[in-house]
């Protein structure tokens, strides 16, 4: 995907995301995760992740902090019925539970 012009790529999964982002000027692959929450409803949790990620980017946070904030927003949103519903205080509490792991880049093909 990044070969086609995108400088970042993010794939959300049930307990966080995988992200290819530039940190300190070089692109890296990361696994950002939180322990899965017992969901009331997962509807809109990906949207909540994206909204949190973009909001953090607008405030100038570093890329990994943006990913952590997005994951916390997505996880918190699973505790509510209704898409995009989050409680900001609970998002802040979840941030401490979000882990970031740098992954080795897969072998290049071709």
N, C-alpha and C. Protein backbone atom coordinates (compact mmCIF):
# COMPACT_ATOMS: atom_id res chain seq x y z
N UNK A 1 0.81 -1.18 0.00
CA UNK A 1 0.00 0.00 0.00
C UNK A 1 0.86 1.25 0.00
N UNK A 2 1.91 1.28 0.79
CA UNK A 2 2.73 2.49 0.84
C UNK A 2 3.49 2.71 -0.46
N UNK A 3 3.67 1.69 -1.25
CA UNK A 3 4.33 1.85 -2.55
C UNK A 3 3.48 2.67 -3.51
N UNK A 4 2.18 2.74 -3.25
CA UNK A 4 1.27 3.49 -4.12
C UNK A 4 1.16 4.95 -3.71
N UNK A 5 1.90 5.38 -2.71
CA UNK A 5 1.90 6.78 -2.34
C UNK A 5 1.49 7.09 -0.91
N UNK A 6 0.81 6.18 -0.23
CA UNK A 6 0.44 6.44 1.16
C UNK A 6 1.69 6.38 2.02
N UNK A 7 1.85 7.31 2.94
CA UNK A 7 3.03 7.30 3.80
C UNK A 7 2.79 6.53 5.09
N UNK A 8 1.54 6.24 5.40
CA UNK A 8 1.19 5.46 6.57
C UNK A 8 0.10 4.46 6.20
N UNK A 9 0.10 3.34 6.90
CA UNK A 9 -0.95 2.34 6.72
C UNK A 9 -1.29 1.77 8.09
N UNK A 10 -2.60 1.68 8.38
CA UNK A 10 -3.06 1.19 9.68
C UNK A 10 -4.17 0.18 9.45
N UNK A 11 -4.07 -0.95 10.14
CA UNK A 11 -5.10 -1.98 10.07
C UNK A 11 -5.56 -2.25 11.50
N UNK A 12 -6.84 -2.01 11.77
CA UNK A 12 -7.36 -2.29 13.11
C UNK A 12 -7.74 -3.75 13.22
N UNK A 13 -7.58 -4.28 14.43
CA UNK A 13 -7.98 -5.65 14.77
C UNK A 13 -8.71 -5.58 16.11
N UNK A 14 -9.25 -6.69 16.57
CA UNK A 14 -10.13 -6.67 17.74
C UNK A 14 -9.46 -6.15 19.01
N UNK A 15 -8.15 -6.25 19.12
CA UNK A 15 -7.48 -5.79 20.35
C UNK A 15 -6.47 -4.68 20.09
N UNK A 16 -6.62 -3.95 18.98
CA UNK A 16 -5.70 -2.86 18.71
C UNK A 16 -5.51 -2.63 17.23
N UNK A 17 -4.24 -2.49 16.84
CA UNK A 17 -3.96 -2.25 15.42
C UNK A 17 -2.53 -2.63 15.08
N UNK A 18 -2.30 -2.78 13.79
CA UNK A 18 -0.96 -2.85 13.22
C UNK A 18 -0.79 -1.56 12.44
N UNK A 19 0.38 -0.96 12.53
CA UNK A 19 0.58 0.32 11.86
C UNK A 19 1.98 0.41 11.26
N UNK A 20 2.02 0.94 10.06
CA UNK A 20 3.27 1.24 9.38
C UNK A 20 3.34 2.76 9.34
N UNK A 21 4.16 3.33 10.23
CA UNK A 21 4.24 4.79 10.35
C UNK A 21 5.70 5.22 10.43
N UNK A 22 5.92 6.48 10.14
CA UNK A 22 7.26 7.04 10.20
C UNK A 22 7.51 7.60 11.60
N UNK A 23 8.55 7.09 12.25
CA UNK A 23 8.97 7.57 13.56
C UNK A 23 10.44 7.95 13.44
N UNK A 24 10.76 9.17 13.81
CA UNK A 24 12.12 9.68 13.69
C UNK A 24 12.63 9.62 12.25
N UNK A 25 11.73 9.84 11.31
CA UNK A 25 12.13 9.92 9.91
C UNK A 25 12.23 8.62 9.15
N UNK A 26 12.04 7.49 9.82
CA UNK A 26 12.10 6.22 9.08
C UNK A 26 10.84 5.41 9.36
N UNK A 27 10.27 4.82 8.31
CA UNK A 27 9.05 4.02 8.49
C UNK A 27 9.33 2.73 9.26
N UNK A 28 8.43 2.42 10.17
CA UNK A 28 8.55 1.22 11.00
C UNK A 28 7.18 0.56 11.11
N UNK A 29 7.20 -0.73 11.42
CA UNK A 29 5.98 -1.49 11.63
C UNK A 29 5.78 -1.68 13.13
N UNK A 30 4.56 -1.41 13.61
CA UNK A 30 4.24 -1.51 15.03
C UNK A 30 2.97 -2.31 15.25
N UNK A 31 2.92 -2.93 16.42
CA UNK A 31 1.71 -3.61 16.92
C UNK A 31 1.30 -2.83 18.16
N UNK A 32 0.14 -2.24 18.13
CA UNK A 32 -0.38 -1.45 19.25
C UNK A 32 -1.61 -2.19 19.77
N UNK A 33 -1.59 -2.53 21.06
CA UNK A 33 -2.70 -3.34 21.54
C UNK A 33 -3.09 -3.02 22.97
N UNK A 34 -4.27 -3.47 23.29
CA UNK A 34 -4.82 -3.37 24.63
C UNK A 34 -5.52 -4.69 24.89
N UNK A 35 -5.57 -5.09 26.14
CA UNK A 35 -6.31 -6.32 26.47
C UNK A 35 -7.75 -6.13 26.02
N UNK A 36 -8.28 -7.15 25.35
CA UNK A 36 -9.64 -7.04 24.83
C UNK A 36 -10.61 -6.76 25.98
N UNK A 37 -11.51 -5.83 25.72
CA UNK A 37 -12.55 -5.47 26.68
C UNK A 37 -13.73 -6.41 26.47
N UNK A 38 -14.49 -6.65 27.52
CA UNK A 38 -15.75 -7.39 27.36
C UNK A 38 -16.73 -6.39 26.74
N UNK A 39 -17.01 -6.54 25.44
CA UNK A 39 -17.77 -5.50 24.76
C UNK A 39 -19.27 -5.55 25.04
N UNK A 40 -19.85 -4.37 25.15
CA UNK A 40 -21.30 -4.26 25.13
C UNK A 40 -21.73 -4.21 23.68
N UNK A 41 -20.94 -3.50 22.86
CA UNK A 41 -21.20 -3.41 21.43
C UNK A 41 -19.93 -2.92 20.75
N UNK A 42 -19.52 -3.60 19.69
CA UNK A 42 -18.33 -3.19 18.95
C UNK A 42 -18.68 -2.27 17.78
N UNK A 43 -19.96 -1.98 17.59
CA UNK A 43 -20.38 -1.13 16.48
C UNK A 43 -19.76 0.26 16.65
N UNK A 44 -19.03 0.68 15.64
CA UNK A 44 -18.43 2.01 15.65
C UNK A 44 -17.07 2.10 16.32
N UNK A 45 -16.54 0.97 16.83
CA UNK A 45 -15.26 1.05 17.53
C UNK A 45 -14.11 1.41 16.58
N UNK A 46 -14.18 0.94 15.34
CA UNK A 46 -13.16 1.34 14.36
C UNK A 46 -13.24 2.82 14.03
N UNK A 47 -14.46 3.33 13.96
CA UNK A 47 -14.65 4.77 13.74
C UNK A 47 -14.12 5.57 14.92
N UNK A 48 -14.35 5.08 16.14
CA UNK A 48 -13.85 5.76 17.34
C UNK A 48 -12.32 5.75 17.34
N UNK A 49 -11.72 4.61 16.91
CA UNK A 49 -10.26 4.55 16.79
C UNK A 49 -9.78 5.65 15.84
N UNK A 50 -10.37 5.71 14.65
CA UNK A 50 -9.94 6.67 13.65
C UNK A 50 -10.13 8.11 14.14
N UNK A 51 -11.26 8.39 14.76
CA UNK A 51 -11.49 9.74 15.28
C UNK A 51 -10.45 10.11 16.33
N UNK A 52 -10.14 9.18 17.22
CA UNK A 52 -9.13 9.44 18.24
C UNK A 52 -7.76 9.64 17.65
N UNK A 53 -7.42 8.82 16.67
CA UNK A 53 -6.12 8.93 16.00
C UNK A 53 -5.99 10.29 15.31
N UNK A 54 -7.00 10.67 14.55
CA UNK A 54 -6.96 11.94 13.81
C UNK A 54 -6.95 13.12 14.78
N UNK A 55 -7.76 13.06 15.84
CA UNK A 55 -7.79 14.14 16.82
C UNK A 55 -6.41 14.32 17.45
N UNK A 56 -5.75 13.23 17.78
CA UNK A 56 -4.41 13.31 18.36
C UNK A 56 -3.41 13.88 17.36
N UNK A 57 -3.54 13.52 16.09
CA UNK A 57 -2.65 14.08 15.06
C UNK A 57 -2.83 15.58 14.95
N UNK A 58 -4.08 16.04 15.01
CA UNK A 58 -4.35 17.48 14.93
C UNK A 58 -3.72 18.26 16.08
N UNK A 59 -3.57 17.62 17.23
CA UNK A 59 -2.97 18.31 18.38
C UNK A 59 -1.45 18.22 18.36
N UNK A 60 -0.89 17.55 17.34
CA UNK A 60 0.56 17.50 17.19
C UNK A 60 1.26 16.43 18.00
N UNK A 61 0.53 15.46 18.49
CA UNK A 61 1.17 14.37 19.24
C UNK A 61 2.05 13.53 18.31
N UNK A 62 3.07 12.89 18.85
CA UNK A 62 3.91 11.99 18.04
C UNK A 62 3.07 10.80 17.54
N UNK A 63 3.47 10.21 16.41
CA UNK A 63 2.69 9.12 15.80
C UNK A 63 2.34 7.98 16.75
N UNK A 64 3.26 7.53 17.57
CA UNK A 64 2.95 6.40 18.45
C UNK A 64 1.95 6.79 19.53
N UNK A 65 2.01 8.02 20.01
CA UNK A 65 1.00 8.49 20.97
C UNK A 65 -0.37 8.57 20.30
N UNK A 66 -0.40 8.96 19.03
CA UNK A 66 -1.67 9.01 18.29
C UNK A 66 -2.28 7.63 18.17
N UNK A 67 -1.45 6.63 17.88
CA UNK A 67 -1.93 5.25 17.77
C UNK A 67 -2.45 4.76 19.12
N UNK A 68 -1.72 5.04 20.19
CA UNK A 68 -2.15 4.63 21.53
C UNK A 68 -3.50 5.27 21.87
N UNK A 69 -3.65 6.56 21.57
CA UNK A 69 -4.89 7.26 21.87
C UNK A 69 -6.04 6.68 21.05
N UNK A 70 -5.79 6.39 19.78
CA UNK A 70 -6.82 5.80 18.93
C UNK A 70 -7.27 4.45 19.45
N UNK A 71 -6.33 3.61 19.86
CA UNK A 71 -6.68 2.29 20.40
C UNK A 71 -7.48 2.43 21.68
N UNK A 72 -7.10 3.36 22.55
CA UNK A 72 -7.86 3.58 23.78
C UNK A 72 -9.28 4.06 23.47
N UNK A 73 -9.43 4.93 22.49
CA UNK A 73 -10.77 5.40 22.10
C UNK A 73 -11.61 4.25 21.55
N UNK A 74 -11.03 3.44 20.69
CA UNK A 74 -11.76 2.30 20.13
C UNK A 74 -12.17 1.31 21.20
N UNK A 75 -11.27 1.03 22.14
CA UNK A 75 -11.58 0.08 23.22
C UNK A 75 -12.67 0.63 24.13
N UNK A 76 -12.57 1.90 24.48
CA UNK A 76 -13.58 2.50 25.38
C UNK A 76 -14.94 2.52 24.71
N UNK A 77 -14.98 2.72 23.42
CA UNK A 77 -16.27 2.79 22.72
C UNK A 77 -17.03 1.46 22.75
N UNK A 78 -16.32 0.35 22.95
CA UNK A 78 -17.00 -0.95 23.00
C UNK A 78 -17.83 -1.12 24.27
N UNK A 79 -17.69 -0.20 25.21
CA UNK A 79 -18.40 -0.31 26.48
C UNK A 79 -19.77 0.36 26.43
N UNK A 80 -20.16 0.88 25.25
CA UNK A 80 -21.41 1.62 25.11
C UNK A 80 -22.22 1.11 23.94
N UNK A 81 -23.52 1.23 24.04
CA UNK A 81 -24.38 1.00 22.89
C UNK A 81 -24.42 2.31 22.11
N UNK A 82 -24.36 2.23 20.82
CA UNK A 82 -24.38 3.44 20.00
C UNK A 82 -23.00 3.71 19.44
N UNK A 83 -22.96 3.96 18.16
CA UNK A 83 -21.68 4.18 17.48
C UNK A 83 -21.04 5.49 17.91
N UNK A 84 -19.73 5.44 18.18
CA UNK A 84 -18.97 6.65 18.45
C UNK A 84 -19.14 7.24 19.83
N UNK A 85 -19.74 6.51 20.75
CA UNK A 85 -19.93 7.02 22.11
C UNK A 85 -18.70 6.66 22.93
N UNK A 86 -18.07 7.67 23.52
CA UNK A 86 -16.94 7.42 24.43
C UNK A 86 -17.01 8.39 25.60
N UNK A 87 -16.37 8.00 26.69
CA UNK A 87 -16.22 8.87 27.85
C UNK A 87 -14.74 9.25 27.94
N UNK A 88 -14.39 10.52 27.70
CA UNK A 88 -12.99 10.94 27.66
C UNK A 88 -12.18 10.56 28.90
N UNK A 89 -12.76 10.65 30.10
CA UNK A 89 -12.03 10.28 31.31
C UNK A 89 -11.63 8.81 31.30
N UNK A 90 -12.50 7.97 30.79
CA UNK A 90 -12.20 6.54 30.72
C UNK A 90 -11.16 6.24 29.64
N UNK A 91 -11.17 7.01 28.56
CA UNK A 91 -10.13 6.86 27.53
C UNK A 91 -8.77 7.13 28.15
N UNK A 92 -8.67 8.22 28.92
CA UNK A 92 -7.39 8.58 29.57
C UNK A 92 -6.92 7.47 30.50
N UNK A 93 -7.84 6.83 31.21
CA UNK A 93 -7.47 5.73 32.11
C UNK A 93 -6.96 4.52 31.32
N UNK A 94 -7.56 4.26 30.16
CA UNK A 94 -7.15 3.11 29.34
C UNK A 94 -5.78 3.31 28.70
N UNK A 95 -5.35 4.55 28.52
CA UNK A 95 -4.06 4.80 27.86
C UNK A 95 -2.91 4.04 28.51
N UNK A 96 -2.94 3.90 29.83
CA UNK A 96 -1.89 3.17 30.53
C UNK A 96 -1.86 1.69 30.22
N UNK A 97 -2.95 1.17 29.68
CA UNK A 97 -3.04 -0.25 29.35
C UNK A 97 -2.68 -0.56 27.90
N UNK A 98 -2.40 0.47 27.12
CA UNK A 98 -2.08 0.29 25.70
C UNK A 98 -0.58 0.07 25.56
N UNK A 99 -0.20 -1.02 24.89
CA UNK A 99 1.22 -1.31 24.67
C UNK A 99 1.59 -1.11 23.21
N UNK A 100 2.83 -0.73 22.98
CA UNK A 100 3.36 -0.53 21.63
C UNK A 100 4.58 -1.43 21.47
N UNK A 101 4.57 -2.23 20.42
CA UNK A 101 5.69 -3.13 20.14
C UNK A 101 6.16 -2.90 18.72
N UNK A 102 7.43 -2.63 18.57
CA UNK A 102 8.00 -2.50 17.23
C UNK A 102 8.24 -3.90 16.67
N UNK A 103 7.80 -4.11 15.44
CA UNK A 103 7.94 -5.42 14.79
C UNK A 103 9.02 -5.35 13.71
N UNK A 104 9.58 -6.49 13.43
CA UNK A 104 10.54 -6.58 12.33
C UNK A 104 9.78 -6.45 11.02
N UNK A 105 10.36 -5.75 10.09
CA UNK A 105 9.75 -5.61 8.77
C UNK A 105 9.81 -6.94 8.04
N UNK A 106 8.72 -7.32 7.36
CA UNK A 106 8.75 -8.56 6.60
C UNK A 106 9.71 -8.43 5.42
N UNK A 107 10.13 -9.54 4.90
CA UNK A 107 11.03 -9.55 3.75
C UNK A 107 10.36 -8.88 2.55
N UNK A 108 11.10 -8.13 1.81
CA UNK A 108 10.59 -7.49 0.61
C UNK A 108 10.48 -8.52 -0.51
N UNK A 109 9.41 -8.48 -1.25
CA UNK A 109 9.23 -9.38 -2.37
C UNK A 109 9.46 -8.61 -3.66
N UNK A 110 10.24 -9.20 -4.54
CA UNK A 110 10.47 -8.63 -5.86
C UNK A 110 11.26 -7.43 -5.81
